[in-house]
N, C-alpha and C. Protein backbone atom coordinates (compact mmCIF):
# COMPACT_ATOMS: atom_id res chain seq x y z
N UNK A 1 -23.00 3.37 2.82
CA UNK A 1 -21.67 3.45 3.41
C UNK A 1 -21.80 3.45 4.93
N UNK A 2 -21.05 2.59 5.61
CA UNK A 2 -21.12 2.47 7.06
C UNK A 2 -20.50 3.71 7.71
N UNK A 3 -21.05 4.05 8.86
CA UNK A 3 -20.52 5.19 9.62
C UNK A 3 -19.15 4.83 10.19
N UNK A 4 -18.28 5.81 10.25
CA UNK A 4 -16.95 5.62 10.82
C UNK A 4 -17.06 5.41 12.32
N UNK A 5 -16.39 4.40 12.84
CA UNK A 5 -16.39 4.09 14.27
C UNK A 5 -14.97 4.24 14.81
N UNK A 6 -14.54 5.47 15.14
CA UNK A 6 -13.16 5.66 15.61
C UNK A 6 -12.83 4.83 16.85
N UNK A 7 -13.77 4.71 17.78
CA UNK A 7 -13.50 3.94 19.00
C UNK A 7 -13.26 2.47 18.66
N UNK A 8 -14.07 1.90 17.78
CA UNK A 8 -13.89 0.51 17.38
C UNK A 8 -12.59 0.29 16.64
N UNK A 9 -12.22 1.22 15.78
CA UNK A 9 -10.96 1.11 15.04
C UNK A 9 -9.79 1.17 16.01
N UNK A 10 -9.84 2.10 16.94
CA UNK A 10 -8.76 2.18 17.93
C UNK A 10 -8.67 0.90 18.76
N UNK A 11 -9.80 0.36 19.14
CA UNK A 11 -9.83 -0.88 19.95
C UNK A 11 -9.24 -2.05 19.17
N UNK A 12 -9.60 -2.17 17.89
CA UNK A 12 -9.24 -3.35 17.12
C UNK A 12 -7.92 -3.23 16.36
N UNK A 13 -7.47 -2.03 16.06
CA UNK A 13 -6.28 -1.86 15.21
C UNK A 13 -5.17 -1.06 15.87
N UNK A 14 -5.50 -0.12 16.70
CA UNK A 14 -4.50 0.76 17.31
C UNK A 14 -4.23 0.28 18.73
N UNK A 15 -3.69 -0.91 18.83
CA UNK A 15 -3.58 -1.59 20.11
C UNK A 15 -2.61 -0.89 21.05
N UNK A 16 -3.01 -0.84 22.32
CA UNK A 16 -2.19 -0.22 23.36
C UNK A 16 -2.36 -1.04 24.62
N UNK A 17 -1.38 -1.85 24.91
CA UNK A 17 -1.44 -2.72 26.08
C UNK A 17 -0.80 -2.06 27.29
N UNK A 18 -1.16 -2.49 28.48
CA UNK A 18 -0.50 -1.96 29.67
C UNK A 18 1.00 -2.24 29.62
N UNK A 19 1.77 -1.34 30.20
CA UNK A 19 3.23 -1.52 30.26
C UNK A 19 3.55 -2.62 31.26
N UNK A 20 4.30 -3.60 30.81
CA UNK A 20 4.74 -4.65 31.72
C UNK A 20 6.06 -5.23 31.22
N UNK A 21 6.70 -5.99 32.07
CA UNK A 21 8.00 -6.56 31.74
C UNK A 21 7.89 -7.53 30.57
N UNK A 22 8.90 -7.52 29.72
CA UNK A 22 8.98 -8.41 28.56
C UNK A 22 10.45 -8.72 28.32
N UNK A 23 10.69 -9.67 27.44
CA UNK A 23 12.06 -10.07 27.13
C UNK A 23 12.72 -9.15 26.10
N UNK A 24 11.91 -8.44 25.33
CA UNK A 24 12.44 -7.69 24.20
C UNK A 24 11.43 -6.64 23.75
N UNK A 25 11.94 -5.48 23.35
CA UNK A 25 11.14 -4.50 22.61
C UNK A 25 11.55 -4.62 21.15
N UNK A 26 10.58 -4.75 20.26
CA UNK A 26 10.82 -4.91 18.82
C UNK A 26 10.27 -3.67 18.14
N UNK A 27 11.18 -2.82 17.65
CA UNK A 27 10.77 -1.57 17.00
C UNK A 27 10.68 -1.80 15.50
N UNK A 28 9.51 -1.52 14.94
CA UNK A 28 9.29 -1.55 13.50
C UNK A 28 9.67 -0.17 12.98
N UNK A 29 10.77 -0.10 12.24
CA UNK A 29 11.34 1.17 11.85
C UNK A 29 10.57 1.92 10.79
N UNK A 30 10.78 3.21 10.78
CA UNK A 30 10.32 4.14 9.76
C UNK A 30 11.03 5.45 9.99
N UNK A 31 10.79 6.40 9.11
CA UNK A 31 11.40 7.72 9.28
C UNK A 31 10.39 8.76 9.73
N UNK A 32 9.14 8.36 9.87
CA UNK A 32 8.08 9.30 10.24
C UNK A 32 8.21 9.77 11.68
N UNK A 33 8.55 8.85 12.58
CA UNK A 33 8.48 9.14 14.01
C UNK A 33 9.71 8.65 14.76
N UNK A 34 10.89 8.93 14.25
CA UNK A 34 12.12 8.46 14.88
C UNK A 34 12.22 8.90 16.34
N UNK A 35 12.06 10.19 16.67
CA UNK A 35 12.19 10.58 18.07
C UNK A 35 11.14 9.91 18.98
N UNK A 36 9.93 9.79 18.46
CA UNK A 36 8.85 9.20 19.26
C UNK A 36 9.08 7.71 19.50
N UNK A 37 9.52 6.99 18.46
CA UNK A 37 9.82 5.56 18.61
C UNK A 37 10.94 5.35 19.60
N UNK A 38 12.00 6.15 19.48
CA UNK A 38 13.14 6.02 20.40
C UNK A 38 12.73 6.34 21.83
N UNK A 39 11.94 7.38 22.01
CA UNK A 39 11.50 7.73 23.37
C UNK A 39 10.67 6.62 23.99
N UNK A 40 9.76 6.04 23.22
CA UNK A 40 8.90 4.97 23.75
C UNK A 40 9.72 3.76 24.15
N UNK A 41 10.61 3.31 23.27
CA UNK A 41 11.41 2.12 23.58
C UNK A 41 12.41 2.39 24.69
N UNK A 42 13.04 3.57 24.67
CA UNK A 42 14.00 3.90 25.72
C UNK A 42 13.32 3.90 27.08
N UNK A 43 12.08 4.39 27.14
CA UNK A 43 11.38 4.41 28.43
C UNK A 43 11.18 2.99 28.96
N UNK A 44 10.89 2.04 28.08
CA UNK A 44 10.75 0.65 28.51
C UNK A 44 12.07 0.14 29.09
N UNK A 45 13.17 0.43 28.40
CA UNK A 45 14.47 -0.03 28.86
C UNK A 45 14.86 0.65 30.18
N UNK A 46 14.75 1.96 30.23
CA UNK A 46 15.19 2.71 31.40
C UNK A 46 14.34 2.42 32.64
N UNK A 47 13.10 2.00 32.44
CA UNK A 47 12.24 1.59 33.56
C UNK A 47 12.49 0.14 33.96
N UNK A 48 13.39 -0.54 33.27
CA UNK A 48 13.71 -1.93 33.59
C UNK A 48 12.68 -2.93 33.10
N UNK A 49 11.84 -2.53 32.13
CA UNK A 49 10.79 -3.43 31.64
C UNK A 49 11.29 -4.35 30.52
N UNK A 50 12.32 -3.94 29.79
CA UNK A 50 12.92 -4.80 28.76
C UNK A 50 14.44 -4.69 28.87
N UNK A 51 15.15 -5.82 28.71
CA UNK A 51 16.61 -5.77 28.76
C UNK A 51 17.27 -5.53 27.41
N UNK A 52 16.53 -5.76 26.32
CA UNK A 52 17.09 -5.63 24.97
C UNK A 52 16.06 -4.95 24.07
N UNK A 53 16.57 -4.25 23.06
CA UNK A 53 15.74 -3.59 22.05
C UNK A 53 16.27 -3.96 20.68
N UNK A 54 15.41 -4.49 19.84
CA UNK A 54 15.76 -4.74 18.45
C UNK A 54 15.09 -3.67 17.60
N UNK A 55 15.85 -3.05 16.71
CA UNK A 55 15.31 -2.06 15.78
C UNK A 55 15.51 -2.60 14.38
N UNK A 56 14.43 -2.65 13.61
CA UNK A 56 14.50 -3.18 12.25
C UNK A 56 14.07 -2.12 11.25
N UNK A 57 14.89 -1.94 10.22
CA UNK A 57 14.52 -1.02 9.14
C UNK A 57 15.72 -0.70 8.26
N UNK A 58 15.53 -0.83 6.97
CA UNK A 58 16.60 -0.60 6.00
C UNK A 58 16.67 0.84 5.52
N UNK A 59 17.39 1.01 4.41
CA UNK A 59 17.56 2.33 3.80
C UNK A 59 16.26 2.75 3.13
N UNK A 60 15.82 3.95 3.42
CA UNK A 60 14.61 4.51 2.83
C UNK A 60 14.85 5.98 2.52
N UNK A 61 14.01 6.57 1.68
CA UNK A 61 14.14 8.01 1.43
C UNK A 61 13.90 8.80 2.72
N UNK A 62 14.46 9.96 2.79
CA UNK A 62 14.19 10.84 3.92
C UNK A 62 15.34 11.01 4.88
N UNK A 63 16.46 10.36 4.61
CA UNK A 63 17.59 10.54 5.50
C UNK A 63 18.72 9.61 5.15
N UNK A 64 19.90 9.88 5.71
CA UNK A 64 21.05 9.02 5.44
C UNK A 64 20.96 7.72 6.23
N UNK A 65 21.71 6.73 5.80
CA UNK A 65 21.77 5.47 6.52
C UNK A 65 20.44 4.74 6.48
N UNK A 66 20.24 3.91 7.48
CA UNK A 66 19.03 3.09 7.54
C UNK A 66 18.10 3.58 8.65
N UNK A 67 16.86 3.13 8.59
CA UNK A 67 15.91 3.44 9.66
C UNK A 67 16.44 2.91 10.98
N UNK A 68 16.99 1.70 10.98
CA UNK A 68 17.50 1.11 12.22
C UNK A 68 18.62 1.96 12.81
N UNK A 69 19.51 2.46 11.95
CA UNK A 69 20.60 3.30 12.45
C UNK A 69 20.08 4.62 13.02
N UNK A 70 19.12 5.23 12.34
CA UNK A 70 18.56 6.50 12.82
C UNK A 70 17.90 6.32 14.19
N UNK A 71 17.10 5.28 14.32
CA UNK A 71 16.42 5.04 15.60
C UNK A 71 17.43 4.59 16.65
N UNK A 72 18.40 3.75 16.24
CA UNK A 72 19.44 3.31 17.18
C UNK A 72 20.21 4.48 17.75
N UNK A 73 20.59 5.43 16.90
CA UNK A 73 21.30 6.62 17.37
C UNK A 73 20.44 7.41 18.35
N UNK A 74 19.15 7.54 18.04
CA UNK A 74 18.25 8.26 18.95
C UNK A 74 18.11 7.53 20.28
N UNK A 75 18.13 6.20 20.27
CA UNK A 75 18.08 5.43 21.52
C UNK A 75 19.34 5.66 22.35
N UNK A 76 20.50 5.70 21.70
CA UNK A 76 21.75 5.94 22.42
C UNK A 76 21.73 7.30 23.10
N UNK A 77 21.19 8.31 22.42
CA UNK A 77 21.15 9.65 23.01
C UNK A 77 20.17 9.72 24.19
N UNK A 78 19.28 8.75 24.28
CA UNK A 78 18.32 8.70 25.38
C UNK A 78 18.79 7.79 26.52
N UNK A 79 20.04 7.34 26.45
CA UNK A 79 20.60 6.58 27.56
C UNK A 79 20.57 5.08 27.46
N UNK A 80 20.14 4.55 26.32
CA UNK A 80 20.17 3.10 26.13
C UNK A 80 21.58 2.71 25.72
N UNK A 81 22.22 1.79 26.43
CA UNK A 81 23.59 1.42 26.06
C UNK A 81 23.64 0.59 24.78
N UNK A 82 24.71 0.76 24.04
CA UNK A 82 24.89 0.06 22.77
C UNK A 82 24.71 -1.45 22.91
N UNK A 83 25.19 -2.03 24.02
CA UNK A 83 25.10 -3.48 24.19
C UNK A 83 23.66 -3.98 24.38
N UNK A 84 22.74 -3.09 24.63
CA UNK A 84 21.32 -3.48 24.76
C UNK A 84 20.61 -3.48 23.41
N UNK A 85 21.28 -2.96 22.37
CA UNK A 85 20.65 -2.78 21.06
C UNK A 85 21.04 -3.87 20.07
N UNK A 86 20.07 -4.26 19.28
CA UNK A 86 20.27 -5.12 18.12
C UNK A 86 19.69 -4.37 16.93
N UNK A 87 20.45 -4.28 15.83
CA UNK A 87 19.98 -3.56 14.66
C UNK A 87 19.88 -4.48 13.45
N UNK A 88 18.73 -4.44 12.81
CA UNK A 88 18.51 -5.14 11.54
C UNK A 88 18.41 -4.04 10.50
N UNK A 89 19.32 -4.01 9.52
CA UNK A 89 19.47 -2.87 8.62
C UNK A 89 19.04 -3.09 7.18
N UNK A 90 18.31 -4.16 6.88
CA UNK A 90 17.99 -4.44 5.47
C UNK A 90 16.50 -4.41 5.14
N UNK A 91 15.62 -4.50 6.12
CA UNK A 91 14.19 -4.65 5.86
C UNK A 91 13.62 -3.47 5.09
N UNK A 92 12.76 -3.80 4.12
CA UNK A 92 12.08 -2.77 3.34
C UNK A 92 10.57 -2.80 3.53
N UNK A 93 10.06 -3.77 4.29
CA UNK A 93 8.63 -3.82 4.61
C UNK A 93 8.45 -4.61 5.90
N UNK A 94 7.25 -4.61 6.41
CA UNK A 94 6.97 -5.20 7.72
C UNK A 94 7.30 -6.68 7.80
N UNK A 95 7.00 -7.43 6.76
CA UNK A 95 7.35 -8.85 6.76
C UNK A 95 8.84 -9.05 6.91
N UNK A 96 9.63 -8.27 6.16
CA UNK A 96 11.08 -8.36 6.28
C UNK A 96 11.56 -7.89 7.64
N UNK A 97 10.87 -6.92 8.25
CA UNK A 97 11.25 -6.51 9.60
C UNK A 97 11.37 -7.75 10.49
N UNK A 98 10.41 -8.66 10.34
CA UNK A 98 10.41 -9.85 11.18
C UNK A 98 11.36 -10.91 10.64
N UNK A 99 11.21 -11.29 9.38
CA UNK A 99 12.01 -12.41 8.86
C UNK A 99 13.50 -12.14 8.88
N UNK A 100 13.91 -10.91 8.61
CA UNK A 100 15.34 -10.59 8.64
C UNK A 100 15.86 -10.40 10.06
N UNK A 101 14.97 -10.17 11.01
CA UNK A 101 15.37 -10.02 12.41
C UNK A 101 15.51 -11.35 13.13
N UNK A 102 14.80 -12.37 12.68
CA UNK A 102 14.84 -13.66 13.38
C UNK A 102 16.25 -14.24 13.50
N UNK A 103 17.08 -14.21 12.44
CA UNK A 103 18.45 -14.72 12.62
C UNK A 103 19.26 -13.89 13.63
N UNK A 104 19.04 -12.59 13.66
CA UNK A 104 19.73 -11.73 14.62
C UNK A 104 19.31 -12.10 16.04
N UNK A 105 18.00 -12.30 16.22
CA UNK A 105 17.50 -12.71 17.53
C UNK A 105 18.03 -14.08 17.93
N UNK A 106 18.12 -14.99 16.96
CA UNK A 106 18.68 -16.32 17.24
C UNK A 106 20.12 -16.20 17.70
N UNK A 107 20.90 -15.37 17.02
CA UNK A 107 22.30 -15.18 17.39
C UNK A 107 22.48 -14.57 18.77
N UNK A 108 21.48 -13.81 19.21
CA UNK A 108 21.53 -13.19 20.54
C UNK A 108 20.87 -14.06 21.61
N UNK A 109 20.42 -15.26 21.22
CA UNK A 109 19.77 -16.16 22.17
C UNK A 109 18.40 -15.70 22.62
N UNK A 110 17.71 -14.95 21.76
CA UNK A 110 16.41 -14.38 22.15
C UNK A 110 15.21 -15.06 21.49
N UNK A 111 15.42 -16.10 20.69
CA UNK A 111 14.28 -16.74 20.05
C UNK A 111 13.38 -17.48 21.03
N UNK A 112 13.87 -17.73 22.23
CA UNK A 112 13.03 -18.38 23.24
C UNK A 112 12.30 -17.36 24.11
N UNK A 113 12.26 -16.10 23.67
CA UNK A 113 11.55 -15.06 24.42
C UNK A 113 10.10 -15.46 24.66
N UNK A 114 9.61 -15.16 25.84
CA UNK A 114 8.23 -15.49 26.21
C UNK A 114 7.27 -14.34 25.90
N UNK A 115 7.79 -13.10 25.96
CA UNK A 115 6.93 -11.94 25.76
C UNK A 115 7.74 -10.84 25.09
N UNK A 116 7.14 -10.22 24.07
CA UNK A 116 7.79 -9.11 23.39
C UNK A 116 6.82 -7.94 23.27
N UNK A 117 7.38 -6.75 23.19
CA UNK A 117 6.59 -5.54 23.02
C UNK A 117 6.85 -5.01 21.61
N UNK A 118 5.79 -4.89 20.82
CA UNK A 118 5.87 -4.29 19.49
C UNK A 118 5.79 -2.78 19.67
N UNK A 119 6.81 -2.08 19.25
CA UNK A 119 6.82 -0.62 19.33
C UNK A 119 6.74 -0.11 17.90
N UNK A 120 5.71 0.66 17.62
CA UNK A 120 5.54 1.17 16.27
C UNK A 120 4.45 2.22 16.19
N UNK A 121 4.14 2.60 14.99
CA UNK A 121 3.17 3.66 14.75
C UNK A 121 1.80 3.31 15.33
N UNK A 122 1.14 4.29 15.85
CA UNK A 122 -0.15 4.18 16.52
C UNK A 122 -1.17 3.36 15.73
N UNK A 123 -1.25 3.58 14.44
CA UNK A 123 -2.32 2.97 13.64
C UNK A 123 -1.97 1.59 13.10
N UNK A 124 -0.83 1.05 13.46
CA UNK A 124 -0.36 -0.18 12.84
C UNK A 124 -0.14 -1.31 13.83
N UNK A 125 -0.50 -1.13 15.09
CA UNK A 125 -0.22 -2.13 16.12
C UNK A 125 -0.72 -3.52 15.80
N UNK A 126 -1.96 -3.63 15.36
CA UNK A 126 -2.51 -4.95 15.08
C UNK A 126 -1.73 -5.64 13.97
N UNK A 127 -1.42 -4.92 12.91
CA UNK A 127 -0.68 -5.52 11.79
C UNK A 127 0.74 -5.91 12.21
N UNK A 128 1.39 -5.11 13.04
CA UNK A 128 2.71 -5.49 13.54
C UNK A 128 2.63 -6.81 14.31
N UNK A 129 1.68 -6.88 15.24
CA UNK A 129 1.55 -8.10 16.05
C UNK A 129 1.18 -9.30 15.19
N UNK A 130 0.32 -9.10 14.20
CA UNK A 130 -0.09 -10.20 13.33
C UNK A 130 1.07 -10.65 12.43
N UNK A 131 1.94 -9.73 12.04
CA UNK A 131 3.12 -10.09 11.26
C UNK A 131 4.08 -10.89 12.12
N UNK A 132 4.33 -10.42 13.33
CA UNK A 132 5.17 -11.18 14.24
C UNK A 132 4.58 -12.56 14.49
N UNK A 133 3.28 -12.62 14.69
CA UNK A 133 2.62 -13.89 14.98
C UNK A 133 2.73 -14.86 13.81
N UNK A 134 2.72 -14.35 12.59
CA UNK A 134 2.86 -15.20 11.40
C UNK A 134 4.22 -15.89 11.36
N UNK A 135 5.27 -15.16 11.71
CA UNK A 135 6.63 -15.68 11.57
C UNK A 135 7.26 -16.14 12.89
N UNK A 136 6.70 -15.70 14.01
CA UNK A 136 7.27 -16.02 15.33
C UNK A 136 6.11 -16.13 16.32
N UNK A 137 5.33 -17.22 16.22
CA UNK A 137 4.09 -17.32 16.99
C UNK A 137 4.26 -17.52 18.49
N UNK A 138 5.37 -18.06 18.94
CA UNK A 138 5.49 -18.47 20.34
C UNK A 138 5.35 -17.35 21.38
N UNK A 139 6.06 -16.24 21.25
CA UNK A 139 5.97 -15.27 22.34
C UNK A 139 4.63 -14.54 22.39
N UNK A 140 4.24 -14.17 23.60
CA UNK A 140 3.09 -13.27 23.77
C UNK A 140 3.49 -11.90 23.21
N UNK A 141 2.53 -11.21 22.64
CA UNK A 141 2.82 -9.93 22.02
C UNK A 141 2.01 -8.81 22.68
N UNK A 142 2.71 -7.76 23.05
CA UNK A 142 2.09 -6.56 23.57
C UNK A 142 2.40 -5.44 22.58
N UNK A 143 1.56 -4.41 22.55
CA UNK A 143 1.78 -3.29 21.63
C UNK A 143 1.92 -1.99 22.40
N UNK A 144 2.94 -1.23 22.05
CA UNK A 144 3.14 0.12 22.57
C UNK A 144 3.09 1.06 21.37
N UNK A 145 1.94 1.72 21.16
CA UNK A 145 1.81 2.59 19.99
C UNK A 145 2.48 3.94 20.19
N UNK A 146 2.97 4.48 19.09
CA UNK A 146 3.60 5.79 19.10
C UNK A 146 2.71 6.72 18.28
N UNK A 147 2.26 7.78 18.92
CA UNK A 147 1.48 8.80 18.23
C UNK A 147 2.45 9.80 17.60
N UNK A 148 2.06 10.34 16.47
CA UNK A 148 2.93 11.29 15.77
C UNK A 148 2.05 12.23 14.96
N UNK A 149 2.48 13.47 14.85
CA UNK A 149 1.71 14.46 14.10
C UNK A 149 0.24 14.42 14.49
N UNK A 150 -0.66 14.43 13.51
CA UNK A 150 -2.08 14.40 13.83
C UNK A 150 -2.62 12.98 14.08
N UNK A 151 -1.76 11.96 13.99
CA UNK A 151 -2.22 10.59 14.20
C UNK A 151 -2.18 10.31 15.70
N UNK A 152 -3.28 10.66 16.36
CA UNK A 152 -3.37 10.60 17.82
C UNK A 152 -4.69 9.97 18.24
N UNK A 153 -4.61 9.21 19.31
CA UNK A 153 -5.79 8.56 19.87
C UNK A 153 -6.89 9.60 20.10
N UNK A 154 -8.08 9.27 19.65
CA UNK A 154 -9.24 10.12 19.88
C UNK A 154 -9.39 11.29 18.92
N UNK A 155 -8.37 11.58 18.10
CA UNK A 155 -8.46 12.76 17.24
C UNK A 155 -8.08 12.49 15.79
N UNK A 156 -7.52 11.33 15.48
CA UNK A 156 -7.04 11.07 14.12
C UNK A 156 -8.12 11.24 13.06
N UNK A 157 -9.34 10.87 13.39
CA UNK A 157 -10.43 10.93 12.41
C UNK A 157 -10.84 12.36 12.05
N UNK A 158 -10.34 13.35 12.78
CA UNK A 158 -10.66 14.75 12.52
C UNK A 158 -9.70 15.40 11.52
N UNK A 159 -8.62 14.72 11.18
CA UNK A 159 -7.60 15.25 10.28
C UNK A 159 -7.55 14.40 9.01
N UNK A 160 -7.75 14.98 7.85
CA UNK A 160 -7.80 14.19 6.60
C UNK A 160 -6.59 13.28 6.39
N UNK A 161 -5.37 13.79 6.61
CA UNK A 161 -4.16 12.97 6.38
C UNK A 161 -4.09 11.82 7.39
N UNK A 162 -4.37 12.11 8.64
CA UNK A 162 -4.33 11.07 9.66
C UNK A 162 -5.44 10.05 9.43
N UNK A 163 -6.61 10.52 9.07
CA UNK A 163 -7.73 9.62 8.80
C UNK A 163 -7.39 8.66 7.65
N UNK A 164 -6.79 9.19 6.58
CA UNK A 164 -6.40 8.35 5.45
C UNK A 164 -5.35 7.33 5.88
N UNK A 165 -4.41 7.75 6.71
CA UNK A 165 -3.36 6.84 7.18
C UNK A 165 -3.96 5.69 7.98
N UNK A 166 -4.81 6.01 8.95
CA UNK A 166 -5.40 4.99 9.80
C UNK A 166 -6.31 4.06 8.99
N UNK A 167 -7.18 4.61 8.17
CA UNK A 167 -8.09 3.77 7.38
C UNK A 167 -7.33 2.92 6.38
N UNK A 168 -6.21 3.43 5.87
CA UNK A 168 -5.37 2.62 4.99
C UNK A 168 -4.80 1.41 5.72
N UNK A 169 -4.40 1.59 6.96
CA UNK A 169 -3.89 0.48 7.77
C UNK A 169 -5.00 -0.54 8.05
N UNK A 170 -6.18 -0.05 8.36
CA UNK A 170 -7.32 -0.94 8.62
C UNK A 170 -7.60 -1.80 7.39
N UNK A 171 -7.54 -1.19 6.21
CA UNK A 171 -7.83 -1.90 4.96
C UNK A 171 -6.78 -2.96 4.64
N UNK A 172 -5.56 -2.78 5.10
CA UNK A 172 -4.50 -3.75 4.81
C UNK A 172 -4.73 -5.09 5.50
N UNK A 173 -5.34 -5.10 6.67
CA UNK A 173 -5.42 -6.34 7.46
C UNK A 173 -6.13 -7.46 6.71
N UNK A 174 -7.34 -7.29 6.18
CA UNK A 174 -7.95 -8.41 5.48
C UNK A 174 -7.19 -8.83 4.22
N UNK A 175 -6.64 -7.86 3.50
CA UNK A 175 -5.87 -8.19 2.30
C UNK A 175 -4.60 -8.96 2.65
N UNK A 176 -3.93 -8.56 3.71
CA UNK A 176 -2.70 -9.24 4.12
C UNK A 176 -3.00 -10.62 4.69
N UNK A 177 -4.12 -10.76 5.39
CA UNK A 177 -4.53 -12.09 5.87
C UNK A 177 -4.77 -13.02 4.70
N UNK A 178 -5.49 -12.54 3.70
CA UNK A 178 -5.80 -13.36 2.52
C UNK A 178 -4.54 -13.77 1.78
N UNK A 179 -3.53 -12.90 1.76
CA UNK A 179 -2.28 -13.19 1.06
C UNK A 179 -1.33 -14.05 1.89
N UNK A 180 -1.64 -14.25 3.18
CA UNK A 180 -0.77 -15.04 4.05
C UNK A 180 0.41 -14.27 4.61
N UNK A 181 0.39 -12.94 4.49
CA UNK A 181 1.49 -12.13 5.01
C UNK A 181 1.45 -12.03 6.54
N UNK A 182 0.25 -12.15 7.10
CA UNK A 182 0.05 -12.04 8.53
C UNK A 182 -0.79 -13.22 8.99
N UNK A 183 -0.80 -13.46 10.29
CA UNK A 183 -1.59 -14.56 10.85
C UNK A 183 -2.61 -13.99 11.82
N UNK A 184 -3.77 -14.65 11.94
CA UNK A 184 -4.78 -14.18 12.89
C UNK A 184 -4.18 -14.02 14.28
N UNK A 185 -4.55 -12.95 14.90
CA UNK A 185 -4.09 -12.64 16.25
C UNK A 185 -5.20 -11.86 16.93
N UNK A 186 -5.53 -12.15 18.18
CA UNK A 186 -6.66 -11.47 18.82
C UNK A 186 -6.43 -9.96 18.91
N UNK A 187 -7.49 -9.22 18.69
CA UNK A 187 -7.37 -7.77 18.81
C UNK A 187 -8.52 -7.17 19.59
N UNK A 188 -9.74 -7.60 19.32
CA UNK A 188 -10.89 -6.93 19.95
C UNK A 188 -10.87 -7.12 21.46
N UNK A 189 -10.26 -8.19 21.95
CA UNK A 189 -10.22 -8.40 23.39
C UNK A 189 -8.97 -7.82 24.02
N UNK A 190 -8.08 -7.26 23.20
CA UNK A 190 -6.84 -6.71 23.74
C UNK A 190 -7.14 -5.44 24.51
N UNK A 191 -6.58 -5.32 25.71
CA UNK A 191 -6.82 -4.10 26.49
C UNK A 191 -6.19 -2.89 25.83
N UNK A 192 -6.85 -1.77 25.94
CA UNK A 192 -6.30 -0.51 25.43
C UNK A 192 -6.31 0.51 26.55
N UNK A 193 -5.54 1.53 26.37
CA UNK A 193 -5.51 2.62 27.36
C UNK A 193 -6.41 3.73 26.91
């Protein structure tokens, strides 16, 4: 059995790019880290780095309404104006986050975006970017990871639940590539913080 390489996993899967201007922040919804996701995306908007935020996520256990509505409400409370938000309320998995959002982005005139920021869970950055790349290859993709609970850079491997979460995400990439759910996208050369 190979030794665990937390630094390599963080470099290749838990992508964290420098903050820079982009056309759109694309939030992959969930109920695990609503406040953290909203804070990360709101900071991009309030710093003038993105003019629009798309939140994708349907109804899931753990709360009323949809993931998109929960995160959207949290964004509003952080000072993001309603007109800056786009909500996709039907997605039940990462592929649908993208495919169901593309018509919404088209309607908002954003399909010609040159650069987008993937905002999502710390351990899933590479898969988010690879999913976007599969269905929307044109824009450059940056990742802004959100840490939550024990799933934190440099320490996740010390906590059984966080370790299982991160290693589960790592295991999905080759299986999803083989199934055609995601497309190859560079990761090892991506800068991290």
